[in-house]
Amino acid sequence: MRKLTLKRKKKMVACVMKTFIYLETKVDEDLVLDDIPCKKVGVLKNGKSITIDIPNEECNLFVVFSKPMPNKFKANYLIKAGDNDINLVTFPRYDPFKGNPFIIAEK
């Protein structure tokens, strides 16, 4: 196991929205996103960060920013296999026609 730290940059865009963090899983799925079974691992508010344990294998990370329509309003990041801890940052980009989509990038 390794650690994933995901920080949400503090922005005025979508500042009151919570984001829901999902990680690919093989058992006990909560939701299926892009035909990938996922488990909710946390909630991320503006300016906060979350640290979770992830497997050493390749897996998908999803940041969902709409609870009623998670398959439409989400961002995906493929975490490569390895032993090192991962540090990522997420933030919304102003685009009201697309629901202010979130970006996931390496720190």
PDB file of N, CA and C in Angstrom:
ATOM      1  N   MET A   1       0.842  -1.196   0.000  1.00  0.00           N
ATOM      2  CA  MET A   1       0.000   0.000   0.000  1.00  0.00           C
ATOM      3  C   MET A   1       0.876   1.245   0.000  1.00  0.00           C
ATOM      4  N   ARG A   2       0.331   2.263  -0.582  1.00  0.00           N
ATOM      5  CA  ARG A   2       1.000   3.564  -0.611  1.00  0.00           C
ATOM      6  C   ARG A   2      -0.026   4.639  -0.320  1.00  0.00           C
ATOM      7  N   LYS A   3       0.437   5.850  -0.127  1.00  0.00           N
ATOM      8  CA  LYS A   3      -0.439   6.968   0.235  1.00  0.00           C
ATOM      9  C   LYS A   3      -0.690   7.860  -0.980  1.00  0.00           C
ATOM     10  N   LEU A   4      -1.935   8.295  -1.089  1.00  0.00           N
ATOM     11  CA  LEU A   4      -2.323   9.293  -2.074  1.00  0.00           C
ATOM     12  C   LEU A   4      -2.799  10.512  -1.315  1.00  0.00           C
ATOM     13  N   THR A   5      -2.195  11.656  -1.576  1.00  0.00           N
ATOM     14  CA  THR A   5      -2.638  12.918  -0.987  1.00  0.00           C
ATOM     15  C   THR A   5      -3.213  13.765  -2.109  1.00  0.00           C
ATOM     16  N   LEU A   6      -4.472  14.139  -1.956  1.00  0.00           N
ATOM     17  CA  LEU A   6      -5.164  14.963  -2.951  1.00  0.00           C
ATOM     18  C   LEU A   6      -5.536  16.272  -2.285  1.00  0.00           C
ATOM     19  N   LYS A   7      -5.036  17.381  -2.830  1.00  0.00           N
ATOM     20  CA  LYS A   7      -5.315  18.715  -2.285  1.00  0.00           C
ATOM     21  C   LYS A   7      -6.208  19.462  -3.258  1.00  0.00           C
ATOM     22  N   ARG A   8      -7.225  20.089  -2.728  1.00  0.00           N
ATOM     23  CA  ARG A   8      -8.099  20.930  -3.546  1.00  0.00           C
ATOM     24  C   ARG A   8      -7.678  22.372  -3.356  1.00  0.00           C
ATOM     25  N   LYS A   9      -7.228  22.991  -4.452  1.00  0.00           N
ATOM     26  CA  LYS A   9      -6.829  24.396  -4.385  1.00  0.00           C
ATOM     27  C   LYS A   9      -8.030  25.260  -4.025  1.00  0.00           C
ATOM     28  N   LYS A  10      -7.771  26.269  -3.229  1.00  0.00           N
ATOM     29  CA  LYS A  10      -8.832  27.196  -2.835  1.00  0.00           C
ATOM     30  C   LYS A  10      -9.089  28.152  -4.005  1.00  0.00           C
ATOM     31  N   LYS A  11     -10.300  28.108  -4.524  1.00  0.00           N
ATOM     32  CA  LYS A  11     -10.708  28.953  -5.651  1.00  0.00           C
ATOM     33  C   LYS A  11     -12.091  29.516  -5.371  1.00  0.00           C
ATOM     34  N   MET A  12     -12.413  30.642  -6.001  1.00  0.00           N
ATOM     35  CA  MET A  12     -13.751  31.214  -5.894  1.00  0.00           C
ATOM     36  C   MET A  12     -14.747  30.435  -6.751  1.00  0.00           C
ATOM     37  N   VAL A  13     -14.270  29.881  -7.860  1.00  0.00           N
ATOM     38  CA  VAL A  13     -15.132  29.079  -8.733  1.00  0.00           C
ATOM     39  C   VAL A  13     -15.547  27.827  -7.969  1.00  0.00           C
ATOM     40  N   ALA A  14     -16.831  27.571  -7.894  1.00  0.00           N
ATOM     41  CA  ALA A  14     -17.385  26.385  -7.239  1.00  0.00           C
ATOM     42  C   ALA A  14     -16.933  26.256  -5.783  1.00  0.00           C
ATOM     43  N   CYS A  15     -16.765  27.378  -5.103  1.00  0.00           N
ATOM     44  CA  CYS A  15     -16.214  27.347  -3.749  1.00  0.00           C
ATOM     45  C   CYS A  15     -17.129  26.688  -2.723  1.00  0.00           C
ATOM     46  N   VAL A  16     -18.430  26.675  -2.942  1.00  0.00           N
ATOM     47  CA  VAL A  16     -19.334  26.060  -1.969  1.00  0.00           C
ATOM     48  C   VAL A  16     -19.635  24.598  -2.287  1.00  0.00           C
ATOM     49  N   MET A  17     -19.164  24.128  -3.435  1.00  0.00           N
ATOM     50  CA  MET A  17     -19.421  22.745  -3.829  1.00  0.00           C
ATOM     51  C   MET A  17     -18.478  21.779  -3.121  1.00  0.00           C
ATOM     52  N   LYS A  18     -19.035  20.669  -2.663  1.00  0.00           N
ATOM     53  CA  LYS A  18     -18.204  19.571  -2.174  1.00  0.00           C
ATOM     54  C   LYS A  18     -17.847  18.705  -3.372  1.00  0.00           C
ATOM     55  N   THR A  19     -16.690  18.095  -3.325  1.00  0.00           N
ATOM     56  CA  THR A  19     -16.336  17.108  -4.332  1.00  0.00           C
ATOM     57  C   THR A  19     -16.250  15.755  -3.641  1.00  0.00           C
ATOM     58  N   PHE A  20     -16.635  14.733  -4.364  1.00  0.00           N
ATOM     59  CA  PHE A  20     -16.657  13.383  -3.826  1.00  0.00           C
ATOM     60  C   PHE A  20     -15.557  12.583  -4.500  1.00  0.00           C
ATOM     61  N   ILE A  21     -14.737  11.928  -3.714  1.00  0.00           N
ATOM     62  CA  ILE A  21     -13.575  11.207  -4.218  1.00  0.00           C
ATOM     63  C   ILE A  21     -13.902   9.715  -4.279  1.00  0.00           C
ATOM     64  N   TYR A  22     -13.716   9.147  -5.459  1.00  0.00           N
ATOM     65  CA  TYR A  22     -13.953   7.724  -5.684  1.00  0.00           C
ATOM     66  C   TYR A  22     -12.683   7.073  -6.206  1.00  0.00           C
ATOM     67  N   LEU A  23     -12.463   5.835  -5.787  1.00  0.00           N
ATOM     68  CA  LEU A  23     -11.291   5.068  -6.199  1.00  0.00           C
ATOM     69  C   LEU A  23     -11.764   3.734  -6.764  1.00  0.00           C
ATOM     70  N   GLU A  24     -11.115   3.301  -7.828  1.00  0.00           N
ATOM     71  CA  GLU A  24     -11.452   2.022  -8.447  1.00  0.00           C
ATOM     72  C   GLU A  24     -11.309   0.895  -7.426  1.00  0.00           C
ATOM     73  N   THR A  25     -12.252  -0.041  -7.444  1.00  0.00           N
ATOM     74  CA  THR A  25     -12.242  -1.142  -6.497  1.00  0.00           C
ATOM     75  C   THR A  25     -12.666  -2.434  -7.179  1.00  0.00           C
ATOM     76  N   LYS A  26     -12.342  -3.525  -6.564  1.00  0.00           N
ATOM     77  CA  LYS A  26     -12.755  -4.834  -7.080  1.00  0.00           C
ATOM     78  C   LYS A  26     -13.939  -5.390  -6.279  1.00  0.00           C
ATOM     79  N   VAL A  27     -14.152  -4.871  -5.054  1.00  0.00           N
ATOM     80  CA  VAL A  27     -15.235  -5.343  -4.182  1.00  0.00           C
ATOM     81  C   VAL A  27     -15.965  -4.151  -3.559  1.00  0.00           C
ATOM     82  N   ASP A  28     -17.185  -4.372  -3.121  1.00  0.00           N
ATOM     83  CA  ASP A  28     -17.983  -3.361  -2.410  1.00  0.00           C
ATOM     84  C   ASP A  28     -18.084  -2.034  -3.147  1.00  0.00           C
ATOM     85  N   GLU A  29     -18.470  -2.065  -4.403  1.00  0.00           N
ATOM     86  CA  GLU A  29     -18.578  -0.826  -5.169  1.00  0.00           C
ATOM     87  C   GLU A  29     -19.776  -0.004  -4.716  1.00  0.00           C
ATOM     88  N   ASP A  30     -19.611   1.311  -4.753  1.00  0.00           N
ATOM     89  CA  ASP A  30     -20.694   2.237  -4.437  1.00  0.00           C
ATOM     90  C   ASP A  30     -21.336   2.774  -5.717  1.00  0.00           C
ATOM     91  N   LEU A  31     -20.541   2.831  -6.784  1.00  0.00           N
ATOM     92  CA  LEU A  31     -20.948   3.503  -8.007  1.00  0.00           C
ATOM     93  C   LEU A  31     -20.113   2.960  -9.162  1.00  0.00           C
ATOM     94  N   VAL A  32     -20.672   2.985 -10.363  1.00  0.00           N
ATOM     95  CA  VAL A  32     -19.926   2.588 -11.555  1.00  0.00           C
ATOM     96  C   VAL A  32     -19.743   3.832 -12.421  1.00  0.00           C
ATOM     97  N   LEU A  33     -18.494   4.224 -12.647  1.00  0.00           N
ATOM     98  CA  LEU A  33     -18.157   5.393 -13.448  1.00  0.00           C
ATOM     99  C   LEU A  33     -17.312   4.941 -14.635  1.00  0.00           C
ATOM    100  N   ASP A  34     -17.743   5.265 -15.842  1.00  0.00           N
ATOM    101  CA  ASP A  34     -17.033   4.850 -17.070  1.00  0.00           C
ATOM    102  C   ASP A  34     -16.806   3.340 -17.100  1.00  0.00           C
ATOM    103  N   ASP A  35     -17.807   2.577 -16.686  1.00  0.00           N
ATOM    104  CA  ASP A  35     -17.745   1.111 -16.631  1.00  0.00           C
ATOM    105  C   ASP A  35     -16.685   0.591 -15.665  1.00  0.00           C
ATOM    106  N   ILE A  36     -16.305   1.392 -14.686  1.00  0.00           N
ATOM    107  CA  ILE A  36     -15.312   1.006 -13.680  1.00  0.00           C
ATOM    108  C   ILE A  36     -15.999   1.027 -12.314  1.00  0.00           C
ATOM    109  N   PRO A  37     -16.009  -0.111 -11.595  1.00  0.00           N
ATOM    110  CA  PRO A  37     -16.604  -0.106 -10.253  1.00  0.00           C
ATOM    111  C   PRO A  37     -15.753   0.734  -9.294  1.00  0.00           C
ATOM    112  N   CYS A  38     -16.420   1.611  -8.540  1.00  0.00           N
ATOM    113  CA  CYS A  38     -15.707   2.555  -7.668  1.00  0.00           C
ATOM    114  C   CYS A  38     -16.302   2.559  -6.267  1.00  0.00           C
ATOM    115  N   LYS A  39     -15.455   2.930  -5.322  1.00  0.00           N
ATOM    116  CA  LYS A  39     -15.863   3.068  -3.925  1.00  0.00           C
ATOM    117  C   LYS A  39     -15.560   4.494  -3.478  1.00  0.00           C
ATOM    118  N   LYS A  40     -16.515   5.109  -2.784  1.00  0.00           N
ATOM    119  CA  LYS A  40     -16.312   6.465  -2.262  1.00  0.00           C
ATOM    120  C   LYS A  40     -15.319   6.402  -1.110  1.00  0.00           C
ATOM    121  N   VAL A  41     -14.266   7.216  -1.196  1.00  0.00           N
ATOM    122  CA  VAL A  41     -13.232   7.208  -0.166  1.00  0.00           C
ATOM    123  C   VAL A  41     -13.158   8.521   0.610  1.00  0.00           C
ATOM    124  N   GLY A  42     -13.933   9.517   0.187  1.00  0.00           N
ATOM    125  CA  GLY A  42     -13.906  10.758   0.938  1.00  0.00           C
ATOM    126  C   GLY A  42     -14.633  11.898   0.256  1.00  0.00           C
ATOM    127  N   VAL A  43     -14.731  13.001   0.990  1.00  0.00           N
ATOM    128  CA  VAL A  43     -15.333  14.246   0.520  1.00  0.00           C
ATOM    129  C   VAL A  43     -14.278  15.329   0.675  1.00  0.00           C
ATOM    130  N   LEU A  44     -14.179  16.180  -0.325  1.00  0.00           N
ATOM    131  CA  LEU A  44     -13.139  17.211  -0.316  1.00  0.00           C
ATOM    132  C   LEU A  44     -13.777  18.579  -0.480  1.00  0.00           C
ATOM    133  N   LYS A  45     -13.516  19.452   0.489  1.00  0.00           N
ATOM    134  CA  LYS A  45     -14.039  20.815   0.442  1.00  0.00           C
ATOM    135  C   LYS A  45     -12.960  21.763  -0.060  1.00  0.00           C
ATOM    136  N   ASN A  46     -13.382  22.981  -0.391  1.00  0.00           N
ATOM    137  CA  ASN A  46     -12.496  23.998  -0.941  1.00  0.00           C
ATOM    138  C   ASN A  46     -11.318  24.288  -0.009  1.00  0.00           C
ATOM    139  N   GLY A  47     -10.095  24.174  -0.534  1.00  0.00           N
ATOM    140  CA  GLY A  47      -8.893  24.479   0.230  1.00  0.00           C
ATOM    141  C   GLY A  47      -8.408  23.369   1.142  1.00  0.00           C
ATOM    142  N   LYS A  48      -9.056  22.238   1.157  1.00  0.00           N
ATOM    143  CA  LYS A  48      -8.694  21.131   2.052  1.00  0.00           C
ATOM    144  C   LYS A  48      -7.941  20.043   1.293  1.00  0.00           C
ATOM    145  N   SER A  49      -7.421  19.077   2.042  1.00  0.00           N
ATOM    146  CA  SER A  49      -6.744  17.937   1.427  1.00  0.00           C
ATOM    147  C   SER A  49      -7.176  16.658   2.134  1.00  0.00           C
ATOM    148  N   ILE A  50      -6.933  15.537   1.454  1.00  0.00           N
ATOM    149  CA  ILE A  50      -7.297  14.232   1.978  1.00  0.00           C
ATOM    150  C   ILE A  50      -6.154  13.274   1.649  1.00  0.00           C
ATOM    151  N   THR A  51      -5.841  12.372   2.572  1.00  0.00           N
ATOM    152  CA  THR A  51      -4.824  11.343   2.358  1.00  0.00           C
ATOM    153  C   THR A  51      -5.489   9.988   2.538  1.00  0.00           C
ATOM    154  N   ILE A  52      -5.316   9.133   1.530  1.00  0.00           N
ATOM    155  CA  ILE A  52      -5.920   7.802   1.561  1.00  0.00           C
ATOM    156  C   ILE A  52      -4.888   6.759   1.152  1.00  0.00           C
ATOM    157  N   ASP A  53      -5.132   5.521   1.563  1.00  0.00           N
ATOM    158  CA  ASP A  53      -4.295   4.404   1.142  1.00  0.00           C
ATOM    159  C   ASP A  53      -4.786   3.908  -0.206  1.00  0.00           C
ATOM    160  N   ILE A  54      -3.849   3.657  -1.112  1.00  0.00           N
ATOM    161  CA  ILE A  54      -4.191   3.118  -2.424  1.00  0.00           C
ATOM    162  C   ILE A  54      -3.314   1.905  -2.693  1.00  0.00           C
ATOM    163  N   PRO A  55      -3.758   1.003  -3.571  1.00  0.00           N
ATOM    164  CA  PRO A  55      -2.946  -0.174  -3.877  1.00  0.00           C
ATOM    165  C   PRO A  55      -1.740   0.175  -4.731  1.00  0.00           C
ATOM    166  N   ASN A  56      -0.764  -0.716  -4.776  1.00  0.00           N
ATOM    167  CA  ASN A  56       0.425  -0.498  -5.602  1.00  0.00           C
ATOM    168  C   ASN A  56       0.140  -0.707  -7.084  1.00  0.00           C
ATOM    169  N   GLU A  57      -0.988  -1.371  -7.402  1.00  0.00           N
ATOM    170  CA  GLU A  57      -1.360  -1.585  -8.789  1.00  0.00           C
ATOM    171  C   GLU A  57      -1.924  -0.312  -9.409  1.00  0.00           C
ATOM    172  N   GLU A  58      -2.019  -0.306 -10.725  1.00  0.00           N
ATOM    173  CA  GLU A  58      -2.635   0.797 -11.447  1.00  0.00           C
ATOM    174  C   GLU A  58      -4.112   0.884 -11.078  1.00  0.00           C
ATOM    175  N   CYS A  59      -4.607   2.097 -10.840  1.00  0.00           N
ATOM    176  CA  CYS A  59      -6.027   2.280 -10.506  1.00  0.00           C
ATOM    177  C   CYS A  59      -6.489   3.658 -10.963  1.00  0.00           C
ATOM    178  N   ASN A  60      -7.800   3.814 -11.038  1.00  0.00           N
ATOM    179  CA  ASN A  60      -8.407   5.073 -11.455  1.00  0.00           C
ATOM    180  C   ASN A  60      -8.917   5.845 -10.250  1.00  0.00           C
ATOM    181  N   LEU A  61      -8.717   7.155 -10.280  1.00  0.00           N
ATOM    182  CA  LEU A  61      -9.218   8.078  -9.274  1.00  0.00           C
ATOM    183  C   LEU A  61     -10.238   8.974  -9.961  1.00  0.00           C
ATOM    184  N   PHE A  62     -11.381   9.157  -9.328  1.00  0.00           N
ATOM    185  CA  PHE A  62     -12.414  10.031  -9.866  1.00  0.00           C
ATOM    186  C   PHE A  62     -12.728  11.127  -8.873  1.00  0.00           C
ATOM    187  N   VAL A  63     -12.856  12.357  -9.367  1.00  0.00           N
ATOM    188  CA  VAL A  63     -13.351  13.486  -8.588  1.00  0.00           C
ATOM    189  C   VAL A  63     -14.717  13.812  -9.172  1.00  0.00           C
ATOM    190  N   VAL A  64     -15.758  13.563  -8.384  1.00  0.00           N
ATOM    191  CA  VAL A  64     -17.141  13.785  -8.817  1.00  0.00           C
ATOM    192  C   VAL A  64     -17.620  15.081  -8.192  1.00  0.00           C
ATOM    193  N   PHE A  65     -18.138  15.985  -9.023  1.00  0.00           N
ATOM    194  CA  PHE A  65     -18.566  17.275  -8.490  1.00  0.00           C
ATOM    195  C   PHE A  65     -20.056  17.522  -8.678  1.00  0.00           C
ATOM    196  N   SER A  66     -20.824  16.444  -8.852  1.00  0.00           N
ATOM    197  CA  SER A  66     -22.279  16.527  -8.851  1.00  0.00           C
ATOM    198  C   SER A  66     -22.828  15.215  -8.326  1.00  0.00           C
ATOM    199  N   LYS A  67     -23.394  15.234  -7.141  1.00  0.00           N
ATOM    200  CA  LYS A  67     -23.932  14.003  -6.561  1.00  0.00           C
ATOM    201  C   LYS A  67     -25.134  13.463  -7.348  1.00  0.00           C
ATOM    202  N   PRO A  68     -26.059  14.316  -7.843  1.00  0.00           N
ATOM    203  CA  PRO A  68     -27.186  13.781  -8.607  1.00  0.00           C
ATOM    204  C   PRO A  68     -26.790  13.211  -9.974  1.00  0.00           C
ATOM    205  N   MET A  69     -25.754  13.752 -10.610  1.00  0.00           N
ATOM    206  CA  MET A  69     -25.332  13.297 -11.940  1.00  0.00           C
ATOM    207  C   MET A  69     -23.834  12.974 -11.958  1.00  0.00           C
ATOM    208  N   PRO A  70     -23.401  11.951 -11.221  1.00  0.00           N
ATOM    209  CA  PRO A  70     -21.962  11.674 -11.127  1.00  0.00           C
ATOM    210  C   PRO A  70     -21.321  11.225 -12.429  1.00  0.00           C
ATOM    211  N   ASN A  71     -22.071  10.588 -13.329  1.00  0.00           N
ATOM    212  CA  ASN A  71     -21.483  10.128 -14.578  1.00  0.00           C
ATOM    213  C   ASN A  71     -21.255  11.257 -15.571  1.00  0.00           C
ATOM    214  N   LYS A  72     -21.913  12.383 -15.377  1.00  0.00           N
ATOM    215  CA  LYS A  72     -21.740  13.523 -16.278  1.00  0.00           C
ATOM    216  C   LYS A  72     -20.686  14.507 -15.767  1.00  0.00           C
ATOM    217  N   PHE A  73     -20.669  14.747 -14.470  1.00  0.00           N
ATOM    218  CA  PHE A  73     -19.786  15.757 -13.896  1.00  0.00           C
ATOM    219  C   PHE A  73     -18.707  15.095 -13.048  1.00  0.00           C
ATOM    220  N   LYS A  74     -17.626  14.688 -13.711  1.00  0.00           N
ATOM    221  CA  LYS A  74     -16.533  13.998 -13.032  1.00  0.00           C
ATOM    222  C   LYS A  74     -15.234  14.263 -13.770  1.00  0.00           C
ATOM    223  N   ALA A  75     -14.142  14.037 -13.059  1.00  0.00           N
ATOM    224  CA  ALA A  75     -12.804  14.079 -13.651  1.00  0.00           C
ATOM    225  C   ALA A  75     -12.127  12.768 -13.282  1.00  0.00           C
ATOM    226  N   ASN A  76     -11.332  12.244 -14.191  1.00  0.00           N
ATOM    227  CA  ASN A  76     -10.681  10.954 -14.001  1.00  0.00           C
ATOM    228  C   ASN A  76      -9.166  11.133 -14.073  1.00  0.00           C
ATOM    229  N   TYR A  77      -8.451  10.380 -13.251  1.00  0.00           N
ATOM    230  CA  TYR A  77      -6.987  10.378 -13.280  1.00  0.00           C
ATOM    231  C   TYR A  77      -6.519   8.944 -13.100  1.00  0.00           C
ATOM    232  N   LEU A  78      -5.686   8.470 -14.016  1.00  0.00           N
ATOM    233  CA  LEU A  78      -5.140   7.119 -13.944  1.00  0.00           C
ATOM    234  C   LEU A  78      -3.847   7.157 -13.141  1.00  0.00           C
ATOM    235  N   ILE A  79      -3.835   6.453 -12.017  1.00  0.00           N
ATOM    236  CA  ILE A  79      -2.644   6.376 -11.168  1.00  0.00           C
ATOM    237  C   ILE A  79      -1.844   5.163 -11.606  1.00  0.00           C
ATOM    238  N   LYS A  80      -0.618   5.377 -12.014  1.00  0.00           N
ATOM    239  CA  LYS A  80       0.251   4.305 -12.498  1.00  0.00           C
ATOM    240  C   LYS A  80       0.674   3.387 -11.350  1.00  0.00           C
ATOM    241  N   ALA A  81       1.028   2.164 -11.704  1.00  0.00           N
ATOM    242  CA  ALA A  81       1.521   1.203 -10.716  1.00  0.00           C
ATOM    243  C   ALA A  81       2.867   1.677 -10.171  1.00  0.00           C
ATOM    244  N   GLY A  82       3.140   1.359  -8.922  1.00  0.00           N
ATOM    245  CA  GLY A  82       4.409   1.754  -8.317  1.00  0.00           C
ATOM    246  C   GLY A  82       4.365   1.633  -6.803  1.00  0.00           C
ATOM    247  N   ASP A  83       5.482   2.023  -6.183  1.00  0.00           N
ATOM    248  CA  ASP A  83       5.612   1.946  -4.728  1.00  0.00           C
ATOM    249  C   ASP A  83       5.622   3.316  -4.063  1.00  0.00           C
ATOM    250  N   ASN A  84       5.829   4.375  -4.848  1.00  0.00           N
ATOM    251  CA  ASN A  84       5.973   5.717  -4.289  1.00  0.00           C
ATOM    252  C   ASN A  84       4.628   6.332  -3.930  1.00  0.00           C
ATOM    253  N   ASP A  85       4.643   7.185  -2.899  1.00  0.00           N
ATOM    254  CA  ASP A  85       3.455   7.945  -2.539  1.00  0.00           C
ATOM    255  C   ASP A  85       3.160   8.949  -3.656  1.00  0.00           C
ATOM    256  N   ILE A  86       1.880   9.309  -3.791  1.00  0.00           N
ATOM    257  CA  ILE A  86       1.429  10.190  -4.864  1.00  0.00           C
ATOM    258  C   ILE A  86       0.858  11.463  -4.256  1.00  0.00           C
ATOM    259  N   ASN A  87       1.205  12.615  -4.835  1.00  0.00           N
ATOM    260  CA  ASN A  87       0.648  13.911  -4.445  1.00  0.00           C
ATOM    261  C   ASN A  87      -0.019  14.522  -5.672  1.00  0.00           C
ATOM    262  N   LEU A  88      -1.320  14.769  -5.567  1.00  0.00           N
ATOM    263  CA  LEU A  88      -2.086  15.353  -6.655  1.00  0.00           C
ATOM    264  C   LEU A  88      -2.802  16.600  -6.165  1.00  0.00           C
ATOM    265  N   VAL A  89      -3.174  17.443  -7.111  1.00  0.00           N
ATOM    266  CA  VAL A  89      -3.937  18.644  -6.804  1.00  0.00           C
ATOM    267  C   VAL A  89      -5.145  18.673  -7.746  1.00  0.00           C
ATOM    268  N   THR A  90      -6.264  19.138  -7.241  1.00  0.00           N
ATOM    269  CA  THR A  90      -7.458  19.296  -8.064  1.00  0.00           C
ATOM    270  C   THR A  90      -8.021  20.695  -7.857  1.00  0.00           C
ATOM    271  N   PHE A  91      -8.646  21.208  -8.896  1.00  0.00           N
ATOM    272  CA  PHE A  91      -9.238  22.542  -8.822  1.00  0.00           C
ATOM    273  C   PHE A  91     -10.263  22.698  -9.947  1.00  0.00           C
ATOM    274  N   PRO A  92     -11.273  23.553  -9.740  1.00  0.00           N
ATOM    275  CA  PRO A  92     -12.264  23.783 -10.786  1.00  0.00           C
ATOM    276  C   PRO A  92     -11.779  24.831 -11.781  1.00  0.00           C
ATOM    277  N   ARG A  93     -12.184  24.652 -13.011  1.00  0.00           N
ATOM    278  CA  ARG A  93     -11.890  25.632 -14.065  1.00  0.00           C
ATOM    279  C   ARG A  93     -13.206  26.303 -14.431  1.00  0.00           C
ATOM    280  N   TYR A  94     -13.206  27.605 -14.521  1.00  0.00           N
ATOM    281  CA  TYR A  94     -14.439  28.344 -14.819  1.00  0.00           C
ATOM    282  C   TYR A  94     -14.923  28.024 -16.226  1.00  0.00           C
ATOM    283  N   ASP A  95     -16.054  27.360 -16.307  1.00  0.00           N
ATOM    284  CA  ASP A  95     -16.724  27.056 -17.566  1.00  0.00           C
ATOM    285  C   ASP A  95     -18.162  26.654 -17.225  1.00  0.00           C
ATOM    286  N   PRO A  96     -19.057  27.637 -17.069  1.00  0.00           N
ATOM    287  CA  PRO A  96     -20.418  27.327 -16.632  1.00  0.00           C
ATOM    288  C   PRO A  96     -21.189  26.418 -17.586  1.00  0.00           C
ATOM    289  N   PHE A  97     -20.801  26.372 -18.862  1.00  0.00           N
ATOM    290  CA  PHE A  97     -21.497  25.511 -19.816  1.00  0.00           C
ATOM    291  C   PHE A  97     -21.155  24.035 -19.610  1.00  0.00           C
ATOM    292  N   LYS A  98     -20.046  23.770 -18.952  1.00  0.00           N
ATOM    293  CA  LYS A  98     -19.651  22.390 -18.655  1.00  0.00           C
ATOM    294  C   LYS A  98     -19.728  22.087 -17.158  1.00  0.00           C
ATOM    295  N   GLY A  99     -20.328  22.978 -16.387  1.00  0.00           N
ATOM    296  CA  GLY A  99     -20.496  22.753 -14.950  1.00  0.00           C
ATOM    297  C   GLY A  99     -19.250  23.026 -14.133  1.00  0.00           C
ATOM    298  N   ASN A 100     -18.373  23.914 -14.601  1.00  0.00           N
ATOM    299  CA  ASN A 100     -17.109  24.231 -13.926  1.00  0.00           C
ATOM    300  C   ASN A 100     -16.306  22.959 -13.632  1.00  0.00           C
ATOM    301  N   PRO A 101     -15.804  22.308 -14.677  1.00  0.00           N
ATOM    302  CA  PRO A 101     -15.141  21.007 -14.506  1.00  0.00           C
ATOM    303  C   PRO A 101     -13.862  21.089 -13.667  1.00  0.00           C
ATOM    304  N   PHE A 102     -13.589  19.990 -12.972  1.00  0.00           N
ATOM    305  CA  PHE A 102     -12.391  19.902 -12.155  1.00  0.00           C
ATOM    306  C   PHE A 102     -11.242  19.330 -12.974  1.00  0.00           C
ATOM    307  N   ILE A 103     -10.049  19.779 -12.660  1.00  0.00           N
ATOM    308  CA  ILE A 103      -8.812  19.317 -13.257  1.00  0.00           C
ATOM    309  C   ILE A 103      -8.059  18.557 -12.164  1.00  0.00           C
ATOM    310  N   ILE A 104      -7.418  17.452 -12.530  1.00  0.00           N
ATOM    311  CA  ILE A 104      -6.562  16.718 -11.599  1.00  0.00           C
ATOM    312  C   ILE A 104      -5.162  16.715 -12.201  1.00  0.00           C
ATOM    313  N   ALA A 105      -4.171  17.154 -11.417  1.00  0.00           N
ATOM    314  CA  ALA A 105      -2.798  17.239 -11.917  1.00  0.00           C
ATOM    315  C   ALA A 105      -1.829  16.846 -10.824  1.00  0.00           C
ATOM    316  N   GLU A 106      -0.600  16.521 -11.238  1.00  0.00           N
ATOM    317  CA  GLU A 106       0.452  16.235 -10.273  1.00  0.00           C
ATOM    318  C   GLU A 106       0.948  17.528  -9.669  1.00  0.00           C
ATOM    319  N   LYS A 107       1.344  17.465  -8.423  1.00  0.00           N
ATOM    320  CA  LYS A 107       1.869  18.641  -7.725  1.00  0.00           C
ATOM    321  C   LYS A 107       3.229  18.996  -8.229  1.00  0.00           C
TER     322      LYS A 107
END
